[in-house]
PDB file of N, CA and C in Angstrom:
ATOM      1  N   UNK A   1     133.781 166.630 127.695  1.00  0.00           N
ATOM      2  CA  UNK A   1     132.812 167.613 128.150  1.00  0.00           C
ATOM      3  C   UNK A   1     131.934 168.033 126.971  1.00  0.00           C
ATOM      4  N   UNK A   2     130.645 168.046 127.215  1.00  0.00           N
ATOM      5  CA  UNK A   2     129.697 168.435 126.179  1.00  0.00           C
ATOM      6  C   UNK A   2     129.773 169.950 125.978  1.00  0.00           C
ATOM      7  N   UNK A   3     129.949 170.406 124.733  1.00  0.00           N
ATOM      8  CA  UNK A   3     129.991 171.849 124.468  1.00  0.00           C
ATOM      9  C   UNK A   3     128.660 172.514 124.839  1.00  0.00           C
ATOM     10  N   UNK A   4     128.724 173.804 125.094  1.00  0.00           N
ATOM     11  CA  UNK A   4     127.552 174.566 125.531  1.00  0.00           C
ATOM     12  C   UNK A   4     126.395 174.490 124.541  1.00  0.00           C
ATOM     13  N   UNK A   5     126.681 174.580 123.234  1.00  0.00           N
ATOM     14  CA  UNK A   5     125.593 174.554 122.256  1.00  0.00           C
ATOM     15  C   UNK A   5     124.900 173.187 122.223  1.00  0.00           C
ATOM     16  N   UNK A   6     125.649 172.120 122.460  1.00  0.00           N
ATOM     17  CA  UNK A   6     125.064 170.780 122.495  1.00  0.00           C
ATOM     18  C   UNK A   6     124.249 170.613 123.773  1.00  0.00           C
ATOM     19  N   UNK A   7     124.738 171.147 124.870  1.00  0.00           N
ATOM     20  CA  UNK A   7     123.988 171.108 126.125  1.00  0.00           C
ATOM     21  C   UNK A   7     122.653 171.836 125.983  1.00  0.00           C
ATOM     22  N   UNK A   8     122.679 172.978 125.301  1.00  0.00           N
ATOM     23  CA  UNK A   8     121.439 173.723 125.049  1.00  0.00           C
ATOM     24  C   UNK A   8     120.504 172.936 124.134  1.00  0.00           C
ATOM     25  N   UNK A   9     121.066 172.251 123.138  1.00  0.00           N
ATOM     26  CA  UNK A   9     120.266 171.407 122.253  1.00  0.00           C
ATOM     27  C   UNK A   9     119.583 170.288 123.042  1.00  0.00           C
ATOM     28  N   UNK A  10     120.323 169.652 123.926  1.00  0.00           N
ATOM     29  CA  UNK A  10     119.766 168.577 124.755  1.00  0.00           C
ATOM     30  C   UNK A  10     118.651 169.120 125.637  1.00  0.00           C
ATOM     31  N   UNK A  11     118.870 170.271 126.252  1.00  0.00           N
ATOM     32  CA  UNK A  11     117.828 170.893 127.086  1.00  0.00           C
ATOM     33  C   UNK A  11     116.571 171.187 126.260  1.00  0.00           C
ATOM     34  N   UNK A  12     116.753 171.683 125.033  1.00  0.00           N
ATOM     35  CA  UNK A  12     115.605 171.984 124.172  1.00  0.00           C
ATOM     36  C   UNK A  12     114.841 170.712 123.819  1.00  0.00           C
ATOM     37  N   UNK A  13     115.561 169.630 123.567  1.00  0.00           N
ATOM     38  CA  UNK A  13     114.911 168.348 123.254  1.00  0.00           C
ATOM     39  C   UNK A  13     114.146 167.834 124.467  1.00  0.00           C
ATOM     40  N   UNK A  14     114.753 167.925 125.634  1.00  0.00           N
ATOM     41  CA  UNK A  14     114.075 167.500 126.866  1.00  0.00           C
ATOM     42  C   UNK A  14     112.804 168.320 127.067  1.00  0.00           C
ATOM     43  N   UNK A  15     112.901 169.634 126.930  1.00  0.00           N
ATOM     44  CA  UNK A  15     111.736 170.510 127.117  1.00  0.00           C
ATOM     45  C   UNK A  15     110.623 170.187 126.126  1.00  0.00           C
ATOM     46  N   UNK A  16     110.975 169.975 124.867  1.00  0.00           N
ATOM     47  CA  UNK A  16     109.984 169.654 123.839  1.00  0.00           C
ATOM     48  C   UNK A  16     109.337 168.300 124.153  1.00  0.00           C
ATOM     49  N   UNK A  17     110.135 167.356 124.610  1.00  0.00           N
ATOM     50  CA  UNK A  17     109.618 166.023 124.944  1.00  0.00           C
ATOM     51  C   UNK A  17     108.700 166.086 126.153  1.00  0.00           C
ATOM     52  N   UNK A  18     109.116 166.799 127.184  1.00  0.00           N
ATOM     53  CA  UNK A  18     108.285 166.921 128.389  1.00  0.00           C
ATOM     54  C   UNK A  18     106.980 167.647 128.104  1.00  0.00           C
ATOM     55  N   UNK A  19     106.969 168.507 127.087  1.00  0.00           N
ATOM     56  CA  UNK A  19     105.748 169.218 126.686  1.00  0.00           C
ATOM     57  C   UNK A  19     104.863 168.348 125.796  1.00  0.00           C
ATOM     58  N   UNK A  20     105.270 167.084 125.601  1.00  0.00           N
ATOM     59  CA  UNK A  20     104.516 166.124 124.774  1.00  0.00           C
ATOM     60  C   UNK A  20     104.459 166.579 123.317  1.00  0.00           C
ATOM     61  N   UNK A  21     105.548 167.209 122.851  1.00  0.00           N
ATOM     62  CA  UNK A  21     105.603 167.701 121.480  1.00  0.00           C
ATOM     63  C   UNK A  21     106.770 167.091 120.709  1.00  0.00           C
ATOM     64  N   UNK A  22     107.210 165.918 121.143  1.00  0.00           N
ATOM     65  CA  UNK A  22     108.268 165.195 120.443  1.00  0.00           C
ATOM     66  C   UNK A  22     107.849 163.725 120.375  1.00  0.00           C
ATOM     67  N   UNK A  23     107.961 163.166 119.198  1.00  0.00           N
ATOM     68  CA  UNK A  23     107.568 161.770 118.992  1.00  0.00           C
ATOM     69  C   UNK A  23     108.829 160.934 118.821  1.00  0.00           C
ATOM     70  N   UNK A  24     109.165 160.191 119.847  1.00  0.00           N
ATOM     71  CA  UNK A  24     110.349 159.355 119.843  1.00  0.00           C
ATOM     72  C   UNK A  24     110.023 157.984 119.264  1.00  0.00           C
ATOM     73  N   UNK A  25     110.981 157.429 118.565  1.00  0.00           N
ATOM     74  CA  UNK A  25     110.879 156.061 118.068  1.00  0.00           C
ATOM     75  C   UNK A  25     111.927 155.202 118.741  1.00  0.00           C
ATOM     76  N   UNK A  26     111.873 153.924 118.458  1.00  0.00           N
ATOM     77  CA  UNK A  26     112.831 152.984 119.030  1.00  0.00           C
ATOM     78  C   UNK A  26     113.650 152.390 117.897  1.00  0.00           C
ATOM     79  N   UNK A  27     114.920 152.161 118.133  1.00  0.00           N
ATOM     80  CA  UNK A  27     115.767 151.518 117.132  1.00  0.00           C
ATOM     81  C   UNK A  27     115.807 150.021 117.431  1.00  0.00           C
ATOM     82  N   UNK A  28     116.649 149.306 116.738  1.00  0.00           N
ATOM     83  CA  UNK A  28     116.760 147.865 116.958  1.00  0.00           C
ATOM     84  C   UNK A  28     117.519 147.528 118.238  1.00  0.00           C
ATOM     85  N   UNK A  29     118.184 148.495 118.812  1.00  0.00           N
ATOM     86  CA  UNK A  29     118.900 148.258 120.080  1.00  0.00           C
ATOM     87  C   UNK A  29     117.907 148.346 121.234  1.00  0.00           C
ATOM     88  N   UNK A  30     118.161 147.582 122.286  1.00  0.00           N
ATOM     89  CA  UNK A  30     117.233 147.487 123.420  1.00  0.00           C
ATOM     90  C   UNK A  30     116.885 148.818 124.070  1.00  0.00           C
ATOM     91  N   UNK A  31     117.852 149.669 124.252  1.00  0.00           N
ATOM     92  CA  UNK A  31     117.648 150.906 125.011  1.00  0.00           C
ATOM     93  C   UNK A  31     117.908 152.163 124.190  1.00  0.00           C
ATOM     94  N   UNK A  32     117.881 152.051 122.864  1.00  0.00           N
ATOM     95  CA  UNK A  32     118.168 153.224 122.036  1.00  0.00           C
ATOM     96  C   UNK A  32     116.873 153.803 121.467  1.00  0.00           C
ATOM     97  N   UNK A  33     116.747 155.112 121.593  1.00  0.00           N
ATOM     98  CA  UNK A  33     115.576 155.836 121.111  1.00  0.00           C
ATOM     99  C   UNK A  33     116.036 156.906 120.126  1.00  0.00           C
ATOM    100  N   UNK A  34     115.178 157.180 119.128  1.00  0.00           N
ATOM    101  CA  UNK A  34     115.551 158.099 118.061  1.00  0.00           C
ATOM    102  C   UNK A  34     114.444 159.118 117.843  1.00  0.00           C
ATOM    103  N   UNK A  35     114.850 160.352 117.647  1.00  0.00           N
ATOM    104  CA  UNK A  35     113.931 161.443 117.348  1.00  0.00           C
ATOM    105  C   UNK A  35     114.304 161.996 115.980  1.00  0.00           C
ATOM    106  N   UNK A  36     113.374 161.882 115.025  1.00  0.00           N
ATOM    107  CA  UNK A  36     113.585 162.428 113.689  1.00  0.00           C
ATOM    108  C   UNK A  36     113.107 163.878 113.665  1.00  0.00           C
ATOM    109  N   UNK A  37     113.948 164.740 113.147  1.00  0.00           N
ATOM    110  CA  UNK A  37     113.619 166.147 112.956  1.00  0.00           C
ATOM    111  C   UNK A  37     113.694 166.442 111.453  1.00  0.00           C
ATOM    112  N   UNK A  38     113.235 167.593 111.025  1.00  0.00           N
ATOM    113  CA  UNK A  38     113.282 167.920 109.596  1.00  0.00           C
ATOM    114  C   UNK A  38     114.711 168.006 109.066  1.00  0.00           C
ATOM    115  N   UNK A  39     115.625 168.492 109.866  1.00  0.00           N
ATOM    116  CA  UNK A  39     116.995 168.722 109.399  1.00  0.00           C
ATOM    117  C   UNK A  39     117.992 167.679 109.910  1.00  0.00           C
ATOM    118  N   UNK A  40     117.507 166.599 110.489  1.00  0.00           N
ATOM    119  CA  UNK A  40     118.404 165.577 111.007  1.00  0.00           C
ATOM    120  C   UNK A  40     117.694 164.704 112.030  1.00  0.00           C
ATOM    121  N   UNK A  41     118.469 164.089 112.883  1.00  0.00           N
ATOM    122  CA  UNK A  41     117.907 163.218 113.911  1.00  0.00           C
ATOM    123  C   UNK A  41     118.883 163.143 115.073  1.00  0.00           C
ATOM    124  N   UNK A  42     118.379 162.673 116.200  1.00  0.00           N
ATOM    125  CA  UNK A  42     119.216 162.436 117.369  1.00  0.00           C
ATOM    126  C   UNK A  42     118.844 161.074 117.952  1.00  0.00           C
ATOM    127  N   UNK A  43     119.811 160.457 118.613  1.00  0.00           N
ATOM    128  CA  UNK A  43     119.543 159.213 119.324  1.00  0.00           C
ATOM    129  C   UNK A  43     120.120 159.307 120.720  1.00  0.00           C
ATOM    130  N   UNK A  44     119.574 158.478 121.591  1.00  0.00           N
ATOM    131  CA  UNK A  44     120.111 158.317 122.936  1.00  0.00           C
ATOM    132  C   UNK A  44     120.068 156.834 123.259  1.00  0.00           C
ATOM    133  N   UNK A  45     121.137 156.340 123.838  1.00  0.00           N
ATOM    134  CA  UNK A  45     121.250 154.918 124.131  1.00  0.00           C
ATOM    135  C   UNK A  45     121.957 154.752 125.470  1.00  0.00           C
ATOM    136  N   UNK A  46     121.702 153.637 126.116  1.00  0.00           N
ATOM    137  CA  UNK A  46     122.396 153.321 127.358  1.00  0.00           C
ATOM    138  C   UNK A  46     122.723 151.843 127.371  1.00  0.00           C
ATOM    139  N   UNK A  47     123.826 151.501 128.015  1.00  0.00           N
ATOM    140  CA  UNK A  47     124.286 150.120 128.109  1.00  0.00           C
ATOM    141  C   UNK A  47     125.249 150.022 129.278  1.00  0.00           C
ATOM    142  N   UNK A  48     125.637 148.803 129.612  1.00  0.00           N
ATOM    143  CA  UNK A  48     126.615 148.577 130.678  1.00  0.00           C
ATOM    144  C   UNK A  48     127.899 148.071 130.033  1.00  0.00           C
ATOM    145  N   UNK A  49     128.988 148.726 130.379  1.00  0.00           N
ATOM    146  CA  UNK A  49     130.294 148.385 129.828  1.00  0.00           C
ATOM    147  C   UNK A  49     131.268 148.163 130.973  1.00  0.00           C
ATOM    148  N   UNK A  50     131.791 146.954 131.084  1.00  0.00           N
ATOM    149  CA  UNK A  50     132.711 146.599 132.172  1.00  0.00           C
ATOM    150  C   UNK A  50     132.115 146.916 133.542  1.00  0.00           C
ATOM    151  N   UNK A  51     130.795 146.669 133.668  1.00  0.00           N
ATOM    152  CA  UNK A  51     130.113 146.891 134.936  1.00  0.00           C
ATOM    153  C   UNK A  51     129.747 148.338 135.222  1.00  0.00           C
ATOM    154  N   UNK A  52     129.997 149.228 134.276  1.00  0.00           N
ATOM    155  CA  UNK A  52     129.704 150.656 134.477  1.00  0.00           C
ATOM    156  C   UNK A  52     128.644 151.082 133.464  1.00  0.00           C
ATOM    157  N   UNK A  53     127.616 151.788 133.951  1.00  0.00           N
ATOM    158  CA  UNK A  53     126.571 152.271 133.061  1.00  0.00           C
ATOM    159  C   UNK A  53     127.125 153.359 132.154  1.00  0.00           C
ATOM    160  N   UNK A  54     126.838 153.214 130.861  1.00  0.00           N
ATOM    161  CA  UNK A  54     127.262 154.195 129.860  1.00  0.00           C
ATOM    162  C   UNK A  54     126.012 154.725 129.161  1.00  0.00           C
ATOM    163  N   UNK A  55     126.121 155.941 128.664  1.00  0.00           N
ATOM    164  CA  UNK A  55     124.992 156.565 127.976  1.00  0.00           C
ATOM    165  C   UNK A  55     125.557 157.446 126.874  1.00  0.00           C
ATOM    166  N   UNK A  56     124.821 157.553 125.756  1.00  0.00           N
ATOM    167  CA  UNK A  56     125.322 158.419 124.704  1.00  0.00           C
ATOM    168  C   UNK A  56     124.214 159.243 124.077  1.00  0.00           C
ATOM    169  N   UNK A  57     124.652 160.235 123.340  1.00  0.00           N
ATOM    170  CA  UNK A  57     123.791 161.125 122.578  1.00  0.00           C
ATOM    171  C   UNK A  57     124.471 161.310 121.238  1.00  0.00           C
ATOM    172  N   UNK A  58     123.764 160.987 120.154  1.00  0.00           N
ATOM    173  CA  UNK A  58     124.340 161.123 118.820  1.00  0.00           C
ATOM    174  C   UNK A  58     123.475 162.050 117.982  1.00  0.00           C
ATOM    175  N   UNK A  59     124.136 162.785 117.094  1.00  0.00           N
ATOM    176  CA  UNK A  59     123.456 163.721 116.202  1.00  0.00           C
ATOM    177  C   UNK A  59     123.721 163.273 114.765  1.00  0.00           C
ATOM    178  N   UNK A  60     122.648 163.242 113.964  1.00  0.00           N
ATOM    179  CA  UNK A  60     122.732 162.834 112.563  1.00  0.00           C
ATOM    180  C   UNK A  60     122.288 163.993 111.679  1.00  0.00           C
ATOM    181  N   UNK A  61     122.938 164.139 110.528  1.00  0.00           N
ATOM    182  CA  UNK A  61     122.512 165.179 109.593  1.00  0.00           C
ATOM    183  C   UNK A  61     121.337 164.684 108.757  1.00  0.00           C
ATOM    184  N   UNK A  62     120.876 165.498 107.831  1.00  0.00           N
ATOM    185  CA  UNK A  62     119.693 165.151 107.034  1.00  0.00           C
ATOM    186  C   UNK A  62     119.940 163.989 106.072  1.00  0.00           C
ATOM    187  N   UNK A  63     121.207 163.605 105.872  1.00  0.00           N
ATOM    188  CA  UNK A  63     121.536 162.459 105.025  1.00  0.00           C
ATOM    189  C   UNK A  63     121.647 161.160 105.832  1.00  0.00           C
ATOM    190  N   UNK A  64     121.500 161.269 107.153  1.00  0.00           N
ATOM    191  CA  UNK A  64     121.608 160.092 108.008  1.00  0.00           C
ATOM    192  C   UNK A  64     123.011 159.796 108.496  1.00  0.00           C
ATOM    193  N   UNK A  65     123.955 160.708 108.219  1.00  0.00           N
ATOM    194  CA  UNK A  65     125.329 160.532 108.683  1.00  0.00           C
ATOM    195  C   UNK A  65     125.453 160.966 110.137  1.00  0.00           C
ATOM    196  N   UNK A  66     126.122 160.160 110.943  1.00  0.00           N
ATOM    197  CA  UNK A  66     126.384 160.563 112.336  1.00  0.00           C
ATOM    198  C   UNK A  66     127.450 161.650 112.293  1.00  0.00           C
ATOM    199  N   UNK A  67     127.089 162.836 112.772  1.00  0.00           N
ATOM    200  CA  UNK A  67     128.029 163.960 112.707  1.00  0.00           C
ATOM    201  C   UNK A  67     128.645 164.309 114.053  1.00  0.00           C
ATOM    202  N   UNK A  68     128.060 163.800 115.136  1.00  0.00           N
ATOM    203  CA  UNK A  68     128.636 164.022 116.456  1.00  0.00           C
ATOM    204  C   UNK A  68     128.099 162.981 117.414  1.00  0.00           C
ATOM    205  N   UNK A  69     128.877 162.681 118.437  1.00  0.00           N
ATOM    206  CA  UNK A  69     128.488 161.667 119.410  1.00  0.00           C
ATOM    207  C   UNK A  69     129.162 161.988 120.742  1.00  0.00           C
ATOM    208  N   UNK A  70     128.383 161.881 121.803  1.00  0.00           N
ATOM    209  CA  UNK A  70     128.910 162.150 123.129  1.00  0.00           C
ATOM    210  C   UNK A  70     128.580 160.964 124.028  1.00  0.00           C
ATOM    211  N   UNK A  71     129.574 160.429 124.697  1.00  0.00           N
ATOM    212  CA  UNK A  71     129.408 159.276 125.586  1.00  0.00           C
ATOM    213  C   UNK A  71     129.846 159.687 126.984  1.00  0.00           C
ATOM    214  N   UNK A  72     129.085 159.245 127.976  1.00  0.00           N
ATOM    215  CA  UNK A  72     129.453 159.504 129.366  1.00  0.00           C
ATOM    216  C   UNK A  72     129.218 158.225 130.163  1.00  0.00           C
ATOM    217  N   UNK A  73     130.035 158.055 131.189  1.00  0.00           N
ATOM    218  CA  UNK A  73     129.912 156.913 132.089  1.00  0.00           C
ATOM    219  C   UNK A  73     129.460 157.407 133.451  1.00  0.00           C
ATOM    220  N   UNK A  74     128.742 156.545 134.172  1.00  0.00           N
ATOM    221  CA  UNK A  74     128.239 156.937 135.489  1.00  0.00           C
ATOM    222  C   UNK A  74     129.396 157.504 136.311  1.00  0.00           C
ATOM    223  N   UNK A  75     129.167 158.689 136.839  1.00  0.00           N
ATOM    224  CA  UNK A  75     130.206 159.387 137.596  1.00  0.00           C
ATOM    225  C   UNK A  75     130.837 160.529 136.814  1.00  0.00           C
ATOM    226  N   UNK A  76     130.720 160.504 135.477  1.00  0.00           N
ATOM    227  CA  UNK A  76     131.232 161.600 134.654  1.00  0.00           C
ATOM    228  C   UNK A  76     130.340 162.829 134.801  1.00  0.00           C
ATOM    229  N   UNK A  77     130.914 164.004 134.527  1.00  0.00           N
ATOM    230  CA  UNK A  77     130.164 165.253 134.620  1.00  0.00           C
ATOM    231  C   UNK A  77     128.937 165.265 133.710  1.00  0.00           C
ATOM    232  N   UNK A  78     129.054 164.743 132.512  1.00  0.00           N
ATOM    233  CA  UNK A  78     127.968 164.810 131.532  1.00  0.00           C
ATOM    234  C   UNK A  78     126.926 163.704 131.690  1.00  0.00           C
ATOM    235  N   UNK A  79     127.169 162.772 132.596  1.00  0.00           N
ATOM    236  CA  UNK A  79     126.263 161.632 132.722  1.00  0.00           C
ATOM    237  C   UNK A  79     124.848 162.061 133.091  1.00  0.00           C
ATOM    238  N   UNK A  80     124.705 163.000 134.001  1.00  0.00           N
ATOM    239  CA  UNK A  80     123.372 163.381 134.477  1.00  0.00           C
ATOM    240  C   UNK A  80     122.494 163.970 133.370  1.00  0.00           C
ATOM    241  N   UNK A  81     123.039 164.861 132.546  1.00  0.00           N
ATOM    242  CA  UNK A  81     122.219 165.459 131.494  1.00  0.00           C
ATOM    243  C   UNK A  81     121.866 164.423 130.426  1.00  0.00           C
ATOM    244  N   UNK A  82     122.814 163.533 130.096  1.00  0.00           N
ATOM    245  CA  UNK A  82     122.523 162.490 129.112  1.00  0.00           C
ATOM    246  C   UNK A  82     121.525 161.481 129.673  1.00  0.00           C
ATOM    247  N   UNK A  83     121.633 161.203 130.958  1.00  0.00           N
ATOM    248  CA  UNK A  83     120.686 160.295 131.602  1.00  0.00           C
ATOM    249  C   UNK A  83     119.288 160.898 131.634  1.00  0.00           C
ATOM    250  N   UNK A  84     119.210 162.188 131.911  1.00  0.00           N
ATOM    251  CA  UNK A  84     117.904 162.862 131.928  1.00  0.00           C
ATOM    252  C   UNK A  84     117.272 162.821 130.540  1.00  0.00           C
ATOM    253  N   UNK A  85     118.064 163.058 129.506  1.00  0.00           N
ATOM    254  CA  UNK A  85     117.554 162.979 128.139  1.00  0.00           C
ATOM    255  C   UNK A  85     117.053 161.571 127.841  1.00  0.00           C
ATOM    256  N   UNK A  86     117.864 160.585 128.159  1.00  0.00           N
ATOM    257  CA  UNK A  86     117.485 159.203 127.856  1.00  0.00           C
ATOM    258  C   UNK A  86     116.212 158.805 128.596  1.00  0.00           C
ATOM    259  N   UNK A  87     116.129 159.123 129.869  1.00  0.00           N
ATOM    260  CA  UNK A  87     114.935 158.774 130.646  1.00  0.00           C
ATOM    261  C   UNK A  87     113.698 159.499 130.131  1.00  0.00           C
ATOM    262  N   UNK A  88     113.850 160.743 129.722  1.00  0.00           N
ATOM    263  CA  UNK A  88     112.726 161.500 129.169  1.00  0.00           C
ATOM    264  C   UNK A  88     112.255 160.877 127.862  1.00  0.00           C
ATOM    265  N   UNK A  89     113.192 160.513 126.999  1.00  0.00           N
ATOM    266  CA  UNK A  89     112.840 159.871 125.728  1.00  0.00           C
ATOM    267  C   UNK A  89     112.161 158.530 125.962  1.00  0.00           C
ATOM    268  N   UNK A  90     112.692 157.756 126.879  1.00  0.00           N
ATOM    269  CA  UNK A  90     112.137 156.430 127.173  1.00  0.00           C
ATOM    270  C   UNK A  90     110.722 156.542 127.734  1.00  0.00           C
ATOM    271  N   UNK A  91     110.517 157.459 128.672  1.00  0.00           N
ATOM    272  CA  UNK A  91     109.186 157.660 129.249  1.00  0.00           C
ATOM    273  C   UNK A  91     108.187 158.099 128.187  1.00  0.00           C
ATOM    274  N   UNK A  92     108.636 158.939 127.251  1.00  0.00           N
ATOM    275  CA  UNK A  92     107.738 159.390 126.197  1.00  0.00           C
ATOM    276  C   UNK A  92     107.435 158.253 125.227  1.00  0.00           C
ATOM    277  N   UNK A  93     108.442 157.493 124.837  1.00  0.00           N
ATOM    278  CA  UNK A  93     108.214 156.396 123.911  1.00  0.00           C
ATOM    279  C   UNK A  93     107.221 155.376 124.482  1.00  0.00           C
ATOM    280  N   UNK A  94     107.391 155.028 125.752  1.00  0.00           N
ATOM    281  CA  UNK A  94     106.523 154.036 126.378  1.00  0.00           C
ATOM    282  C   UNK A  94     105.238 154.638 126.959  1.00  0.00           C
ATOM    283  N   UNK A  95     105.051 155.948 126.786  1.00  0.00           N
ATOM    284  CA  UNK A  95     103.836 156.634 127.239  1.00  0.00           C
ATOM    285  C   UNK A  95     103.571 156.384 128.729  1.00  0.00           C
ATOM    286  N   UNK A  96     104.589 156.538 129.525  1.00  0.00           N
ATOM    287  CA  UNK A  96     104.503 156.262 130.960  1.00  0.00           C
ATOM    288  C   UNK A  96     103.486 157.175 131.637  1.00  0.00           C
ATOM    289  N   UNK A  97     103.572 158.474 131.409  1.00  0.00           N
ATOM    290  CA  UNK A  97     102.656 159.409 132.074  1.00  0.00           C
ATOM    291  C   UNK A  97     101.211 159.155 131.674  1.00  0.00           C
ATOM    292  N   UNK A  98     100.983 158.901 130.392  1.00  0.00           N
ATOM    293  CA  UNK A  98      99.631 158.639 129.913  1.00  0.00           C
ATOM    294  C   UNK A  98      99.070 157.352 130.517  1.00  0.00           C
ATOM    295  N   UNK A  99      99.921 156.331 130.620  1.00  0.00           N
ATOM    296  CA  UNK A  99      99.491 155.060 131.205  1.00  0.00           C
ATOM    297  C   UNK A  99      99.111 155.234 132.666  1.00  0.00           C
ATOM    298  N   UNK A 100      99.923 155.956 133.410  1.00  0.00           N
ATOM    299  CA  UNK A 100      99.628 156.193 134.826  1.00  0.00           C
ATOM    300  C   UNK A 100      98.326 156.974 134.971  1.00  0.00           C
ATOM    301  N   UNK A 101      98.151 157.996 134.138  1.00  0.00           N
ATOM    302  CA  UNK A 101      96.915 158.781 134.168  1.00  0.00           C
ATOM    303  C   UNK A 101      95.700 157.895 133.883  1.00  0.00           C
ATOM    304  N   UNK A 102      95.811 157.020 132.889  1.00  0.00           N
ATOM    305  CA  UNK A 102      94.698 156.121 132.563  1.00  0.00           C
ATOM    306  C   UNK A 102      94.421 155.109 133.669  1.00  0.00           C
ATOM    307  N   UNK A 103      95.461 154.664 134.352  1.00  0.00           N
ATOM    308  CA  UNK A 103      95.262 153.754 135.487  1.00  0.00           C
ATOM    309  C   UNK A 103      94.495 154.457 136.611  1.00  0.00           C
ATOM    310  N   UNK A 104      94.866 155.706 136.887  1.00  0.00           N
ATOM    311  CA  UNK A 104      94.128 156.473 137.896  1.00  0.00           C
ATOM    312  C   UNK A 104      92.661 156.629 137.504  1.00  0.00           C
ATOM    313  N   UNK A 105      92.408 156.954 136.238  1.00  0.00           N
ATOM    314  CA  UNK A 105      91.029 157.102 135.781  1.00  0.00           C
ATOM    315  C   UNK A 105      90.249 155.807 135.984  1.00  0.00           C
ATOM    316  N   UNK A 106      90.870 154.702 135.626  1.00  0.00           N
ATOM    317  CA  UNK A 106      90.203 153.408 135.777  1.00  0.00           C
ATOM    318  C   UNK A 106      89.936 153.085 137.242  1.00  0.00           C
ATOM    319  N   UNK A 107      90.892 153.376 138.105  1.00  0.00           N
ATOM    320  CA  UNK A 107      90.727 153.074 139.529  1.00  0.00           C
ATOM    321  C   UNK A 107      89.733 154.007 140.205  1.00  0.00           C
ATOM    322  N   UNK A 108      89.571 155.212 139.679  1.00  0.00           N
ATOM    323  CA  UNK A 108      88.608 156.152 140.250  1.00  0.00           C
ATOM    324  C   UNK A 108      87.193 155.946 139.723  1.00  0.00           C
ATOM    325  N   UNK A 109      87.027 155.120 138.723  1.00  0.00           N
ATOM    326  CA  UNK A 109      85.713 154.793 138.180  1.00  0.00           C
ATOM    327  C   UNK A 109      85.015 153.834 139.157  1.00  0.00           C
ATOM    328  N   UNK A 110      83.708 153.973 139.381  1.00  0.00           N
ATOM    329  CA  UNK A 110      83.032 153.121 140.351  1.00  0.00           C
ATOM    330  C   UNK A 110      82.915 151.648 139.942  1.00  0.00           C
ATOM    331  N   UNK A 111      83.108 151.327 138.689  1.00  0.00           N
ATOM    332  CA  UNK A 111      82.981 149.933 138.269  1.00  0.00           C
ATOM    333  C   UNK A 111      84.171 149.102 138.765  1.00  0.00           C
ATOM    334  N   UNK A 112      83.987 147.796 138.788  1.00  0.00           N
ATOM    335  CA  UNK A 112      85.044 146.868 139.210  1.00  0.00           C
ATOM    336  C   UNK A 112      86.192 146.905 138.204  1.00  0.00           C
ATOM    337  N   UNK A 113      87.377 146.613 138.699  1.00  0.00           N
ATOM    338  CA  UNK A 113      88.560 146.587 137.847  1.00  0.00           C
ATOM    339  C   UNK A 113      89.248 145.237 137.968  1.00  0.00           C
ATOM    340  N   UNK A 114      90.073 144.949 137.001  1.00  0.00           N
ATOM    341  CA  UNK A 114      90.854 143.717 137.021  1.00  0.00           C
ATOM    342  C   UNK A 114      90.170 142.613 136.246  1.00  0.00           C
ATOM    343  N   UNK A 115      90.949 141.620 135.898  1.00  0.00           N
ATOM    344  CA  UNK A 115      90.403 140.444 135.240  1.00  0.00           C
ATOM    345  C   UNK A 115      91.313 139.273 135.558  1.00  0.00           C
ATOM    346  N   UNK A 116      90.743 138.105 135.530  1.00  0.00           N
ATOM    347  CA  UNK A 116      91.515 136.904 135.820  1.00  0.00           C
ATOM    348  C   UNK A 116      92.251 136.470 134.570  1.00  0.00           C
ATOM    349  N   UNK A 117      93.459 136.059 134.781  1.00  0.00           N
ATOM    350  CA  UNK A 117      94.222 135.497 133.673  1.00  0.00           C
ATOM    351  C   UNK A 117      93.853 134.027 133.582  1.00  0.00           C
ATOM    352  N   UNK A 118      93.370 133.599 132.444  1.00  0.00           N
ATOM    353  CA  UNK A 118      92.970 132.214 132.243  1.00  0.00           C
ATOM    354  C   UNK A 118      93.948 131.574 131.280  1.00  0.00           C
ATOM    355  N   UNK A 119      94.488 130.432 131.692  1.00  0.00           N
ATOM    356  CA  UNK A 119      95.380 129.681 130.817  1.00  0.00           C
ATOM    357  C   UNK A 119      94.532 129.109 129.680  1.00  0.00           C
ATOM    358  N   UNK A 120      94.935 129.355 128.480  1.00  0.00           N
ATOM    359  CA  UNK A 120      94.205 128.855 127.322  1.00  0.00           C
ATOM    360  C   UNK A 120      95.120 127.908 126.556  1.00  0.00           C
ATOM    361  N   UNK A 121      94.750 126.607 126.608  1.00  0.00           N
ATOM    362  CA  UNK A 121      95.533 125.595 125.922  1.00  0.00           C
ATOM    363  C   UNK A 121      95.033 125.318 124.517  1.00  0.00           C
ATOM    364  N   UNK A 122      94.127 126.164 124.036  1.00  0.00           N
ATOM    365  CA  UNK A 122      93.599 125.984 122.695  1.00  0.00           C
ATOM    366  C   UNK A 122      94.723 126.189 121.697  1.00  0.00           C
ATOM    367  N   UNK A 123      94.937 125.192 120.809  1.00  0.00           N
ATOM    368  CA  UNK A 123      96.018 125.372 119.834  1.00  0.00           C
ATOM    369  C   UNK A 123      95.712 126.484 118.848  1.00  0.00           C
ATOM    370  N   UNK A 124      96.758 127.139 118.405  1.00  0.00           N
ATOM    371  CA  UNK A 124      96.600 128.196 117.419  1.00  0.00           C
ATOM    372  C   UNK A 124      96.202 127.580 116.083  1.00  0.00           C
ATOM    373  N   UNK A 125      95.464 128.301 115.238  1.00  0.00           N
ATOM    374  CA  UNK A 125      94.945 127.731 113.998  1.00  0.00           C
ATOM    375  C   UNK A 125      95.988 127.570 112.880  1.00  0.00           C
ATOM    376  N   UNK A 126      97.247 127.717 113.191  1.00  0.00           N
ATOM    377  CA  UNK A 126      98.249 127.531 112.139  1.00  0.00           C
ATOM    378  C   UNK A 126      99.320 126.572 112.557  1.00  0.00           C
TER     379      UNK A 126
END
């Protein structure tokens, strides 16, 4: 079970991210995102283990040491809050809301949209 202070920390991170005031980065793992803060960092990752979706939240101190880690599996009490954090971080990293907004702007513009994909067999210059 995630302690109350960690739950509040996660809520604060979600709120800051949803307000577009958190800049998430991506790690070398496929689904792991990292937020650097002045006094440390946090990560969120998701994966499938034995056919069950798992998700985690890790906290790092200012030296880069992992000082706490919380893992939940689909169906666990803490899964929903960790999933919400991960999805919020992922949407912010990939700029999902901004992309959708820009697509609407483009579609509402009176000019034509779209372009044909042309196969180009021209060899690369190297």
